[in-house]
Amino acid sequence: MRPRRTLPVALALAVALPWTALSAADAATPPTTTTTGTLLEVAIDDHDAPTSTWVLEGDDGSLTEVKVPTSLRGAVGAPATVTLDTSTATPTVTAARPSTTLTPQVSRPTALHAYVVDIVDPTSSDTTTLAKATATTKSMESYWVREGKGGITSFDTTKAISFTQANACDMNVYELWAKAAAKFPGVAWGWANHLVVYLPSDCAYGWTGLATIGGGYMMIVAPDLPTTAHELGHNLGLAHSNLEIKGKTYEYFGAFGPMGFSVNDYAPGTLDAAYQEQLALPKAAAARRTLTWGSTTTVTIAAVGAGAVNSVKVTDPKTGTSWFFEYRAGRGPDAKTFYATQYPFLYGPAGGLVDYRRGVQVSNLTSGGLITHTTIAADETWAATRKGEWFVDRGKRLAMKVVSTTATAATVQIVTGGTGAATPPRWTREGMALPVVVVTPLATKVGQKARVNIRVIDASVGSSESYAVPRITIDGGTPINVKLDANGRATWTASGPWAKGSYPVQVYYPGRAGQSLKANGYATVVVTP
């Protein structure tokens, strides 16, 4: 297993920005300078302590490491006029206007181009050849044209060159990027043009690749498809794919798509549905079904890469969280991935094994990247939910049951909490949906037969399954069985007229056999003159 990791490196770029010595009167005011350029985030992907650094790409092609306060990070990725406090070795951005991020340009058909630079280091014993660098880049290009789903119309290697640089592994990565970029004067690096620099494979950085998030720079140590596909994803603006286990999130462990761990040389999987929406890929939108919140829906999801509906989305109006469901069957474009192997297990960060065998992937996007949510079955942690099992979110507002699976499709039942006066489902800690019994008395006058509407919400009932038989008890009397229709509804009518008064009603739902999920509903029938 090879994680894409970076260790913090000493970034000691000279700051070529003009400033003059201060007089004693001016000593309290830090020296500043204003310039124009693009702020780019660079991930420092230390697995133990992941963080980020930032670089200012000047209009002249210069690259300068800078500090960016949290309040200004919305400007990262956008051309801006930047004011810098230059009183320290690493300048601090104090203003950036405009402070808006770039709109992902792959949302409209775009042709991409790679400019490959192979650094030949005579002091290295494992320099990547230009032929290897070019072949790896072409594999990455083919992968992203496929995953671009109409958003990336083509991806070519426009130029590929080598240059010699002794002791390249000891150099600052920004300096290497600047040297490589200088080989292609006039090229603007960004959405369309990507600078792919290959270092010797024996550079002991602790990471296998590096890229600018939403920028056009890539640095590759491991010349393989998983690494280059991952780094290009960063250039397109994607963060990492992570895994949630018992409420905690672990970076890189969302290993279904390209933005998680790479495991040996297994192919990267299909781009996750949430990332497809983030990039507004045209064909992905056509293959996505959006559900209405506050509903119970049974839907069939084709395996990734095949069928009319490849993903399902539902958005919680209270939290704003969008949930995505897709079937990872290990077929078609995913046939050569790690999760499609016979024993797809990883030692999890929370202890024990994480099981990546085929099933329904449940995920959503956060500011820290994609999160794939796990199902805990007995003492096992599953990265995808399998047939007959439930997934339930920790807020207990959404649940999904995998009703059935085939080699090419999964049928799921998705239950979401209601809004307004609707009664939301409830969930057990184990992720099973607790039934809800709603009892609604109808208006009754003296001499009339009392009537009570009964509704049972039981998410364990599949499309071809029946509800258990509830029992209604009036004022502590003998329980009476009530037959529900296929939608869990019934109207109970008393056998004779009732006198004036108030009558407590209880409806007990015993739960389906083998589920052990019971519920009660209560109401009061008031008989008026």
Protein backbone atom coordinates (compact mmCIF):
# COMPACT_ATOMS: atom_id res chain seq x y z
CA MET A 1 0.00 0.00 0.00
CA ARG A 2 1.50 3.31 -1.04
CA PRO A 3 -0.17 6.39 0.43
CA ARG A 4 0.24 9.69 -1.31
CA ARG A 5 2.05 11.44 1.46
CA THR A 6 4.22 14.50 1.75
CA LEU A 7 6.48 15.48 4.58
CA PRO A 8 7.06 19.15 5.32
CA VAL A 9 10.14 20.33 3.43
CA ALA A 10 12.22 23.41 4.02
CA LEU A 11 10.89 25.98 1.56
CA ALA A 12 13.48 28.73 1.50
CA LEU A 13 12.67 30.72 -1.61
CA ALA A 14 14.18 34.15 -1.91
CA VAL A 15 11.40 36.73 -1.99
CA ALA A 16 12.10 38.91 -5.00
CA LEU A 17 9.81 41.70 -3.89
CA PRO A 18 10.96 45.33 -3.50
CA TRP A 19 11.03 46.97 -0.11
CA THR A 20 13.23 49.50 1.61
CA ALA A 21 14.72 49.75 5.07
CA LEU A 22 12.47 51.38 7.66
CA SER A 23 13.25 54.44 9.65
CA ALA A 24 12.70 54.41 13.41
CA ALA A 25 9.43 56.31 12.88
CA ASP A 26 8.14 53.65 10.58
CA ALA A 27 9.32 50.66 12.63
CA ALA A 28 5.84 49.92 13.98
CA THR A 29 4.41 49.52 10.47
CA PRO A 30 5.41 46.27 8.76
CA PRO A 31 6.83 46.61 5.24
CA THR A 32 4.32 45.69 2.55
CA THR A 33 4.23 45.28 -1.19
CA THR A 34 1.42 44.84 -3.68
CA THR A 35 1.63 42.53 -6.67
CA THR A 36 -0.67 40.59 -8.98
CA GLY A 37 -0.87 36.85 -9.37
CA THR A 38 -2.72 33.69 -8.41
CA LEU A 39 -2.73 32.13 -4.96
CA LEU A 40 -2.51 28.34 -5.07
CA GLU A 41 -2.87 25.84 -2.26
CA VAL A 42 -0.30 23.05 -2.12
CA ALA A 43 -1.17 20.01 -0.03
CA ILE A 44 1.47 18.77 2.41
CA ASP A 45 0.00 15.34 2.82
CA ASP A 46 1.78 14.02 5.87
CA HIS A 47 -0.43 11.09 6.87
CA ASP A 48 0.15 11.79 10.55
CA ALA A 49 -0.39 15.55 10.39
CA PRO A 50 -1.77 16.66 7.00
CA THR A 51 -1.64 20.37 6.34
CA SER A 52 -1.27 22.82 3.47
CA THR A 53 1.00 25.56 2.30
CA TRP A 54 0.40 28.27 -0.28
CA VAL A 55 2.29 29.68 -3.22
CA LEU A 56 1.84 32.93 -5.11
CA GLU A 57 2.22 32.44 -8.85
CA GLY A 58 3.21 35.81 -10.22
CA ASP A 59 2.09 37.08 -13.59
CA ASP A 60 5.76 36.72 -14.64
CA GLY A 61 5.73 32.98 -13.80
CA SER A 62 7.56 33.33 -10.47
CA LEU A 63 6.57 31.07 -7.56
CA THR A 64 6.82 32.41 -4.01
CA GLU A 65 5.76 30.60 -0.86
CA VAL A 66 3.38 32.73 1.21
CA LYS A 67 1.24 32.46 4.32
CA VAL A 68 -2.51 32.90 3.81
CA PRO A 69 -4.78 33.67 6.79
CA THR A 70 -7.91 31.58 7.07
CA SER A 71 -10.10 34.62 6.36
CA LEU A 72 -8.50 35.05 2.90
CA ARG A 73 -8.40 31.45 1.73
CA GLY A 74 -11.46 31.98 -0.42
CA ALA A 75 -9.14 33.81 -2.80
CA VAL A 76 -6.98 30.74 -3.44
CA GLY A 77 -7.15 29.70 -7.08
CA ALA A 78 -8.27 33.07 -8.42
CA PRO A 79 -6.19 35.79 -10.11
CA ALA A 80 -6.00 38.68 -7.67
CA THR A 81 -4.20 41.80 -6.59
CA VAL A 82 -2.31 40.67 -3.50
CA THR A 83 -0.86 42.74 -0.66
CA LEU A 84 1.98 41.09 1.26
CA ASP A 85 3.55 41.74 4.65
CA THR A 86 7.25 41.15 3.84
CA SER A 87 8.63 41.55 7.35
CA THR A 88 9.29 37.80 7.68
CA ALA A 89 11.10 35.24 5.51
CA THR A 90 7.76 33.87 4.32
CA PRO A 91 5.53 36.81 3.33
CA THR A 92 1.99 36.91 4.70
CA VAL A 93 -0.97 37.82 2.48
CA THR A 94 -2.86 40.68 4.12
CA ALA A 95 -5.33 41.39 1.30
CA ALA A 96 -6.45 39.72 -1.93
CA ARG A 97 -8.97 41.22 -4.30
CA PRO A 98 -11.16 39.86 -5.74
CA SER A 99 -11.51 37.12 -3.12
CA THR A 100 -13.49 34.61 -5.16
CA THR A 101 -12.50 31.14 -6.26
CA LEU A 102 -12.46 30.00 -9.86
CA THR A 103 -15.47 28.17 -11.24
CA PRO A 104 -14.42 24.64 -12.31
CA GLN A 105 -13.94 24.95 -16.04
CA VAL A 106 -14.47 21.28 -16.76
CA SER A 107 -18.17 22.06 -16.31
CA ARG A 108 -18.09 22.97 -19.98
CA PRO A 109 -16.30 20.86 -22.63
CA THR A 110 -12.59 21.55 -22.29
CA ALA A 111 -9.46 20.22 -24.01
CA LEU A 112 -6.56 19.66 -21.60
CA HIS A 113 -2.84 19.62 -22.34
CA ALA A 114 0.15 18.15 -20.50
CA TYR A 115 3.69 19.48 -20.68
CA VAL A 116 6.02 16.75 -19.45
CA VAL A 117 9.43 17.42 -17.93
CA ASP A 118 11.69 14.51 -16.97
CA ILE A 119 14.49 15.61 -14.64
CA VAL A 120 17.64 13.63 -15.29
CA ASP A 121 19.83 13.59 -12.19
CA PRO A 122 23.37 12.18 -12.71
CA THR A 123 23.70 11.75 -8.93
CA SER A 124 20.60 9.53 -8.77
CA SER A 125 20.49 5.77 -9.22
CA ASP A 126 16.81 5.70 -10.25
CA THR A 127 16.12 8.48 -12.74
CA THR A 128 12.85 8.10 -14.64
CA THR A 129 13.29 7.92 -18.40
CA LEU A 130 11.47 10.32 -20.69
CA ALA A 131 9.78 7.35 -22.36
CA LYS A 132 8.45 6.15 -19.01
CA ALA A 133 7.33 9.64 -18.01
CA THR A 134 5.52 10.12 -21.31
CA ALA A 135 3.82 6.71 -21.22
CA THR A 136 2.62 7.28 -17.65
CA THR A 137 1.26 10.71 -18.55
CA LYS A 138 -0.63 9.29 -21.53
CA SER A 139 -2.25 6.68 -19.27
CA MET A 140 -3.32 9.46 -16.92
CA GLU A 141 -4.73 11.44 -19.84
CA SER A 142 -6.82 8.48 -21.05
CA TYR A 143 -8.12 7.93 -17.52
CA TRP A 144 -9.30 11.53 -17.15
CA VAL A 145 -10.90 11.70 -20.61
CA ARG A 146 -12.95 8.66 -19.56
CA GLU A 147 -13.76 10.08 -16.14
CA GLY A 148 -14.37 13.56 -17.55
CA LYS A 149 -17.72 12.29 -18.86
CA GLY A 150 -18.05 14.90 -21.54
CA GLY A 151 -16.38 17.67 -19.55
CA ILE A 152 -12.88 16.82 -20.81
CA THR A 153 -13.09 16.52 -24.58
CA SER A 154 -9.46 15.53 -25.08
CA PHE A 155 -6.17 15.39 -23.21
CA ASP A 156 -2.83 15.32 -25.01
CA THR A 157 0.87 15.57 -24.27
CA THR A 158 1.73 18.77 -26.08
CA LYS A 159 5.47 18.64 -25.35
CA ALA A 160 7.81 16.29 -23.48
CA ILE A 161 11.41 17.18 -22.67
CA SER A 162 14.26 16.19 -20.36
CA PHE A 163 16.76 18.39 -18.62
CA THR A 164 19.69 17.58 -16.40
CA GLN A 165 19.75 18.73 -12.80
CA ALA A 166 22.27 17.39 -10.31
CA ASN A 167 21.06 16.81 -6.72
CA ALA A 168 17.46 17.43 -7.77
CA CYS A 169 16.12 15.66 -4.70
CA ASP A 170 17.76 18.23 -2.45
CA MET A 171 16.26 21.22 -4.23
CA ASN A 172 13.20 23.17 -3.22
CA VAL A 173 10.17 21.85 -5.11
CA TYR A 174 9.01 25.35 -6.05
CA GLU A 175 12.41 26.08 -7.57
CA LEU A 176 12.17 22.89 -9.63
CA TRP A 177 8.67 23.81 -10.80
CA ALA A 178 9.91 27.26 -11.83
CA LYS A 179 12.89 25.77 -13.72
CA ALA A 180 10.60 23.33 -15.53
CA ALA A 181 8.00 26.00 -16.35
CA ALA A 182 10.71 28.19 -17.87
CA LYS A 183 11.17 25.54 -20.57
CA PHE A 184 7.75 26.50 -21.97
CA PRO A 185 7.68 30.32 -22.15
CA GLY A 186 4.27 31.87 -22.65
CA VAL A 187 2.27 28.89 -21.37
CA ALA A 188 -0.29 29.74 -18.68
CA TRP A 189 -0.64 26.91 -16.15
CA GLY A 190 -4.13 26.16 -14.91
CA TRP A 191 -7.27 24.34 -15.98
CA ALA A 192 -6.16 23.73 -19.56
CA ASN A 193 -2.39 23.40 -19.25
CA HIS A 194 -0.67 21.12 -16.73
CA LEU A 195 3.06 21.01 -16.00
CA VAL A 196 3.96 17.41 -15.07
CA VAL A 197 7.47 17.17 -13.61
CA TYR A 198 9.00 13.74 -12.96
CA LEU A 199 11.69 13.47 -10.29
CA PRO A 200 14.01 10.48 -9.74
CA SER A 201 12.09 7.68 -8.04
CA ASP A 202 14.64 7.47 -5.23
CA CYS A 203 13.89 10.98 -3.92
CA ALA A 204 13.09 10.25 -0.27
CA TYR A 205 10.46 12.88 0.39
CA GLY A 206 7.92 10.59 2.02
CA TRP A 207 5.39 11.48 -0.69
CA THR A 208 4.95 10.07 -4.19
CA GLY A 209 3.32 13.09 -5.82
CA LEU A 210 2.51 16.74 -5.22
CA ALA A 211 0.09 19.14 -6.93
CA THR A 212 -1.55 22.53 -6.62
CA ILE A 213 -5.26 22.41 -5.79
CA GLY A 214 -7.03 24.10 -8.67
CA GLY A 215 -3.70 24.97 -10.29
CA GLY A 216 -1.56 23.58 -13.09
CA TYR A 217 1.53 22.17 -11.36
CA MET A 218 2.32 18.51 -10.64
CA MET A 219 5.45 16.89 -9.18
CA ILE A 220 5.74 13.12 -9.55
CA VAL A 221 8.15 10.78 -7.72
CA ALA A 222 6.30 7.50 -8.40
CA PRO A 223 5.79 7.29 -12.19
CA ASP A 224 2.56 5.29 -12.19
CA LEU A 225 -1.09 5.82 -13.16
CA PRO A 226 -2.56 5.94 -9.62
CA THR A 227 -0.19 8.73 -8.58
CA THR A 228 -0.54 10.88 -11.70
CA ALA A 229 -4.33 10.46 -11.81
CA HIS A 230 -4.53 11.51 -8.15
CA GLU A 231 -2.38 14.61 -8.65
CA LEU A 232 -4.30 15.70 -11.76
CA GLY A 233 -7.44 15.45 -9.63
CA HIS A 234 -5.90 18.01 -7.28
CA ASN A 235 -5.18 20.29 -10.24
CA LEU A 236 -8.87 20.08 -11.14
CA GLY A 237 -9.72 21.29 -7.64
CA LEU A 238 -10.45 17.98 -5.89
CA ALA A 239 -9.37 17.27 -2.32
CA HIS A 240 -8.80 13.81 -0.80
CA SER A 241 -11.24 10.93 -0.43
CA ASN A 242 -11.58 10.03 3.23
CA LEU A 243 -13.37 7.42 5.35
CA GLU A 244 -15.71 7.89 8.32
CA ILE A 245 -15.56 5.25 11.05
CA LYS A 246 -17.76 5.68 14.13
CA GLY A 247 -17.95 9.43 13.72
CA LYS A 248 -14.25 10.06 13.03
CA THR A 249 -12.81 10.87 9.62
CA TYR A 250 -9.57 9.33 8.34
CA GLU A 251 -7.75 10.90 5.42
CA TYR A 252 -7.01 8.89 2.23
CA PHE A 253 -8.99 5.80 3.31
CA GLY A 254 -11.86 6.44 0.86
CA ALA A 255 -10.16 4.05 -1.53
CA PHE A 256 -12.83 3.57 -4.22
CA GLY A 257 -11.95 6.51 -6.49
CA PRO A 258 -8.69 8.22 -7.52
CA MET A 259 -8.42 10.67 -4.60
CA GLY A 260 -7.76 8.16 -1.81
CA PHE A 261 -4.88 5.78 -1.18
CA SER A 262 -3.19 4.10 -4.10
CA VAL A 263 -2.65 0.45 -3.24
CA ASN A 264 0.32 -1.09 -5.03
CA ASP A 265 -0.25 -0.60 -8.76
CA TYR A 266 -3.99 -1.26 -8.87
CA ALA A 267 -5.87 1.02 -11.26
CA PRO A 268 -7.70 4.03 -9.81
CA GLY A 269 -11.45 3.50 -9.63
CA THR A 270 -14.21 5.52 -11.22
CA LEU A 271 -14.42 9.10 -9.98
CA ASP A 272 -16.77 9.29 -7.00
CA ALA A 273 -20.29 10.58 -7.69
CA ALA A 274 -19.92 13.58 -5.36
CA TYR A 275 -16.76 14.67 -7.17
CA GLN A 276 -18.51 14.20 -10.51
CA GLU A 277 -21.12 16.70 -9.36
CA GLN A 278 -18.47 19.08 -7.99
CA LEU A 279 -16.93 19.20 -11.47
CA ALA A 280 -20.39 19.51 -13.07
CA LEU A 281 -19.62 16.76 -15.59
CA PRO A 282 -22.40 16.70 -18.22
CA LYS A 283 -22.83 12.93 -18.69
CA ALA A 284 -22.67 12.37 -14.92
CA ALA A 285 -25.62 14.71 -14.38
CA ALA A 286 -27.68 12.76 -16.90
CA ALA A 287 -26.99 9.49 -15.03
CA ARG A 288 -27.85 10.88 -11.57
CA ARG A 289 -31.29 10.61 -9.95
CA THR A 290 -32.24 13.19 -7.33
CA LEU A 291 -34.74 12.25 -4.62
CA THR A 292 -37.09 14.45 -2.61
CA TRP A 293 -36.38 14.77 1.11
CA GLY A 294 -39.02 13.33 3.43
CA SER A 295 -39.68 10.29 1.28
CA THR A 296 -39.17 6.54 1.18
CA THR A 297 -37.93 5.51 -2.25
CA THR A 298 -36.84 2.22 -3.75
CA VAL A 299 -34.47 2.69 -6.67
CA THR A 300 -32.15 0.52 -8.74
CA ILE A 301 -28.62 1.83 -9.24
CA ALA A 302 -26.54 0.44 -12.09
CA ALA A 303 -22.91 -0.37 -11.36
CA VAL A 304 -20.53 2.55 -11.90
CA GLY A 305 -19.83 3.10 -15.56
CA ALA A 306 -22.97 1.34 -16.83
CA GLY A 307 -26.73 1.80 -17.01
CA ALA A 308 -29.10 4.75 -17.05
CA VAL A 309 -28.85 5.62 -13.32
CA ASN A 310 -25.35 5.37 -11.85
CA SER A 311 -25.88 7.43 -8.72
CA VAL A 312 -28.60 8.77 -6.45
CA LYS A 313 -28.51 12.09 -4.61
CA VAL A 314 -30.65 13.46 -1.81
CA THR A 315 -30.10 16.72 0.10
CA ASP A 316 -31.04 17.28 3.73
CA PRO A 317 -32.78 20.70 3.82
CA LYS A 318 -31.95 21.16 7.51
CA THR A 319 -28.19 20.55 7.33
CA GLY A 320 -27.59 21.28 3.65
CA THR A 321 -25.73 17.97 3.33
CA SER A 322 -26.04 16.19 -0.01
CA TRP A 323 -25.80 12.40 0.16
CA PHE A 324 -24.65 10.27 -2.78
CA PHE A 325 -25.24 6.56 -3.34
CA GLU A 326 -23.48 4.48 -6.00
CA TYR A 327 -22.95 0.78 -6.59
CA ARG A 328 -19.33 -0.34 -6.56
CA ALA A 329 -19.53 -3.72 -8.30
CA GLY A 330 -15.88 -4.09 -9.38
CA ARG A 331 -16.79 -4.44 -13.04
CA GLY A 332 -16.15 -2.50 -16.24
CA PRO A 333 -13.83 0.46 -15.54
CA ASP A 334 -13.41 -0.71 -11.93
CA ALA A 335 -12.42 -4.30 -12.79
CA LYS A 336 -8.72 -3.76 -12.06
CA THR A 337 -9.08 -1.75 -8.87
CA PHE A 338 -7.99 -2.78 -5.38
CA TYR A 339 -11.53 -3.13 -4.08
CA ALA A 340 -12.39 -5.59 -6.89
CA THR A 341 -9.72 -8.08 -5.77
CA GLN A 342 -10.46 -11.24 -3.80
CA TYR A 343 -9.14 -9.88 -0.50
CA PRO A 344 -9.64 -6.09 -0.44
CA PHE A 345 -8.80 -5.42 3.20
CA LEU A 346 -6.71 -2.65 4.77
CA TYR A 347 -5.62 -2.25 8.36
CA GLY A 348 -7.80 0.62 9.45
CA PRO A 349 -6.60 3.75 11.25
CA ALA A 350 -9.10 3.07 14.05
CA GLY A 351 -7.77 -0.45 14.58
CA GLY A 352 -8.88 -3.66 12.91
CA LEU A 353 -9.54 -4.31 9.24
CA VAL A 354 -11.56 -2.17 6.86
CA ASP A 355 -13.42 -4.34 4.34
CA TYR A 356 -13.68 -2.79 0.87
CA ARG A 357 -15.64 -5.59 -0.75
CA ARG A 358 -18.29 -4.67 -3.30
CA GLY A 359 -21.44 -2.88 -2.26
CA VAL A 360 -23.20 0.48 -2.18
CA GLN A 361 -20.91 3.43 -1.45
CA VAL A 362 -22.48 6.23 0.61
CA SER A 363 -20.63 9.54 0.53
CA ASN A 364 -20.86 13.30 0.80
CA LEU A 365 -18.61 16.32 0.32
CA THR A 366 -17.17 18.49 3.07
CA SER A 367 -14.67 21.34 3.05
CA GLY A 368 -12.01 18.70 3.79
CA GLY A 369 -12.90 16.54 0.80
CA LEU A 370 -15.05 13.52 0.08
CA ILE A 371 -16.17 11.29 2.96
CA THR A 372 -17.17 7.68 2.35
CA HIS A 373 -19.29 6.42 5.25
CA THR A 374 -18.88 2.95 6.71
CA THR A 375 -21.37 0.36 7.90
CA ILE A 376 -20.51 -1.45 11.13
CA ALA A 377 -21.71 -5.05 10.84
CA ALA A 378 -21.05 -6.97 14.07
CA ASP A 379 -17.36 -6.17 14.72
CA GLU A 380 -16.53 -5.54 11.05
CA THR A 381 -16.08 -2.19 9.34
CA TRP A 382 -17.44 -2.15 5.79
CA ALA A 383 -16.54 0.66 3.41
CA ALA A 384 -19.60 -0.25 1.30
CA THR A 385 -22.98 -1.56 2.43
CA ARG A 386 -23.93 -5.03 1.22
CA LYS A 387 -27.18 -6.89 0.53
CA GLY A 388 -29.61 -7.06 3.46
CA GLU A 389 -27.74 -4.47 5.53
CA TRP A 390 -28.61 -0.93 6.58
CA PHE A 391 -26.62 2.26 6.52
CA VAL A 392 -27.82 5.10 8.74
CA ASP A 393 -26.22 8.52 9.12
CA ARG A 394 -25.09 9.51 12.59
CA GLY A 395 -27.64 12.31 12.70
CA LYS A 396 -30.34 9.65 12.31
CA ARG A 397 -32.05 11.61 9.54
CA LEU A 398 -31.33 9.26 6.67
CA ALA A 399 -31.14 5.50 6.21
CA MET A 400 -30.55 3.14 3.30
CA LYS A 401 -31.19 -0.56 3.00
CA VAL A 402 -29.56 -2.63 0.26
CA VAL A 403 -32.54 -4.72 -0.83
CA SER A 404 -30.79 -6.80 -3.48
CA THR A 405 -27.70 -6.88 -5.67
CA THR A 406 -26.68 -8.47 -8.96
CA ALA A 407 -23.43 -8.32 -10.88
CA THR A 408 -24.55 -5.13 -12.58
CA ALA A 409 -27.05 -3.35 -10.29
CA ALA A 410 -28.17 -2.80 -6.70
CA THR A 411 -31.71 -2.08 -5.54
CA VAL A 412 -31.81 0.13 -2.46
CA GLN A 413 -34.49 1.62 -0.24
CA ILE A 414 -33.67 5.16 0.92
CA VAL A 415 -35.63 6.68 3.82
CA THR A 416 -35.21 10.33 4.77
CA GLY A 417 -36.54 12.38 7.66
CA GLY A 418 -39.47 14.69 7.03
CA THR A 419 -39.74 18.44 7.23
CA GLY A 420 -42.46 20.63 8.74
CA ALA A 421 -45.30 18.56 10.23
CA ALA A 422 -44.08 15.28 8.72
CA THR A 423 -42.96 12.63 11.18
CA PRO A 424 -39.25 11.79 10.71
CA PRO A 425 -38.05 8.21 11.02
CA ARG A 426 -35.98 7.20 14.04
CA TRP A 427 -32.98 4.93 14.11
CA THR A 428 -31.25 2.52 16.48
CA ARG A 429 -27.58 2.94 17.27
CA GLU A 430 -26.87 -0.16 15.21
CA GLY A 431 -28.23 1.56 12.14
CA MET A 432 -31.56 -0.25 11.89
CA ALA A 433 -34.59 1.91 11.24
CA LEU A 434 -37.01 2.01 14.17
CA PRO A 435 -40.66 1.87 13.13
CA VAL A 436 -42.84 4.90 13.79
CA VAL A 437 -46.57 4.59 14.58
CA VAL A 438 -48.74 7.64 13.87
CA VAL A 439 -52.28 7.52 15.36
CA THR A 440 -54.79 10.14 14.18
CA PRO A 441 -58.35 10.09 15.64
CA LEU A 442 -61.15 11.29 13.37
CA ALA A 443 -63.90 13.58 14.64
CA THR A 444 -66.59 11.55 16.42
CA LYS A 445 -69.99 12.64 17.83
CA VAL A 446 -72.22 10.85 20.30
CA GLY A 447 -73.99 7.96 18.61
CA GLN A 448 -71.32 7.54 15.95
CA LYS A 449 -68.73 4.81 15.58
CA ALA A 450 -65.28 6.11 16.46
CA ARG A 451 -62.64 5.95 13.73
CA VAL A 452 -58.83 6.11 14.00
CA ASN A 453 -56.33 6.44 11.15
CA ILE A 454 -53.16 4.44 11.68
CA ARG A 455 -49.89 4.85 9.79
CA VAL A 456 -46.80 2.70 10.36
CA ILE A 457 -43.42 3.80 8.98
CA ASP A 458 -41.19 0.72 8.88
CA ALA A 459 -38.09 1.13 6.71
CA SER A 460 -37.33 -2.59 6.99
CA VAL A 461 -40.28 -3.40 4.72
CA GLY A 462 -39.14 -3.96 1.15
CA SER A 463 -41.22 -3.51 -1.99
CA SER A 464 -42.35 -7.16 -1.96
CA GLU A 465 -42.60 -7.54 1.83
CA SER A 466 -45.52 -7.15 4.26
CA TYR A 467 -45.91 -5.15 7.43
CA ALA A 468 -46.37 -6.84 10.77
CA VAL A 469 -49.91 -6.74 12.24
CA PRO A 470 -50.41 -3.92 14.79
CA ARG A 471 -52.88 -4.14 17.70
CA ILE A 472 -55.11 -1.30 18.88
CA THR A 473 -56.20 -0.99 22.52
CA ILE A 474 -59.04 1.36 23.61
CA ASP A 475 -58.97 2.62 27.21
CA GLY A 476 -57.01 -0.45 28.43
CA GLY A 477 -59.41 -2.97 26.88
CA THR A 478 -58.67 -6.08 24.84
CA PRO A 479 -56.16 -5.55 21.99
CA ILE A 480 -57.64 -5.82 18.48
CA ASN A 481 -55.61 -6.72 15.38
CA VAL A 482 -55.53 -4.19 12.53
CA LYS A 483 -54.57 -5.08 8.96
CA LEU A 484 -52.36 -2.53 7.20
CA ASP A 485 -52.40 -1.96 3.46
CA ALA A 486 -49.29 -2.15 1.26
CA ASN A 487 -48.37 1.41 2.28
CA GLY A 488 -48.58 0.75 6.03
CA ARG A 489 -51.91 2.51 6.49
CA ALA A 490 -55.30 1.50 7.94
CA THR A 491 -58.50 3.07 9.29
CA TRP A 492 -59.89 1.30 12.34
CA THR A 493 -63.63 1.63 13.03
CA ALA A 494 -65.31 0.78 16.36
CA SER A 495 -67.95 -1.96 16.36
CA GLY A 496 -70.64 0.34 17.81
CA PRO A 497 -71.38 3.96 18.82
CA TRP A 498 -69.59 5.52 21.77
CA ALA A 499 -70.87 7.77 24.55
CA LYS A 500 -69.54 11.26 25.21
CA GLY A 501 -66.08 11.26 26.74
CA SER A 502 -62.33 10.90 26.15
CA TYR A 503 -60.87 7.50 25.31
CA PRO A 504 -57.08 6.84 25.35
CA VAL A 505 -55.88 4.79 22.37
CA GLN A 506 -52.66 2.79 22.04
CA VAL A 507 -51.45 1.13 18.85
CA TYR A 508 -48.68 -1.43 19.33
CA TYR A 509 -46.60 -2.50 16.32
CA PRO A 510 -44.65 -5.73 17.05
CA GLY A 511 -42.15 -5.35 14.19
CA ARG A 512 -41.42 -7.82 11.44
CA ALA A 513 -40.12 -11.29 12.27
CA GLY A 514 -36.39 -11.30 12.92
CA GLN A 515 -36.16 -7.51 13.20
CA SER A 516 -36.92 -7.02 16.94
CA LEU A 517 -37.93 -3.46 16.18
CA LYS A 518 -41.14 -2.53 18.03
CA ALA A 519 -43.02 0.74 18.34
CA ASN A 520 -46.10 2.26 20.00
CA GLY A 521 -48.35 5.10 18.97
CA TYR A 522 -50.74 6.99 21.25
CA ALA A 523 -53.72 9.31 20.86
CA THR A 524 -57.00 10.25 22.52
CA VAL A 525 -60.42 9.93 20.87
CA VAL A 526 -62.76 12.68 22.05
CA VAL A 527 -66.50 12.01 21.52
CA THR A 528 -68.44 15.25 21.46
CA PRO A 529 -72.20 15.96 21.69
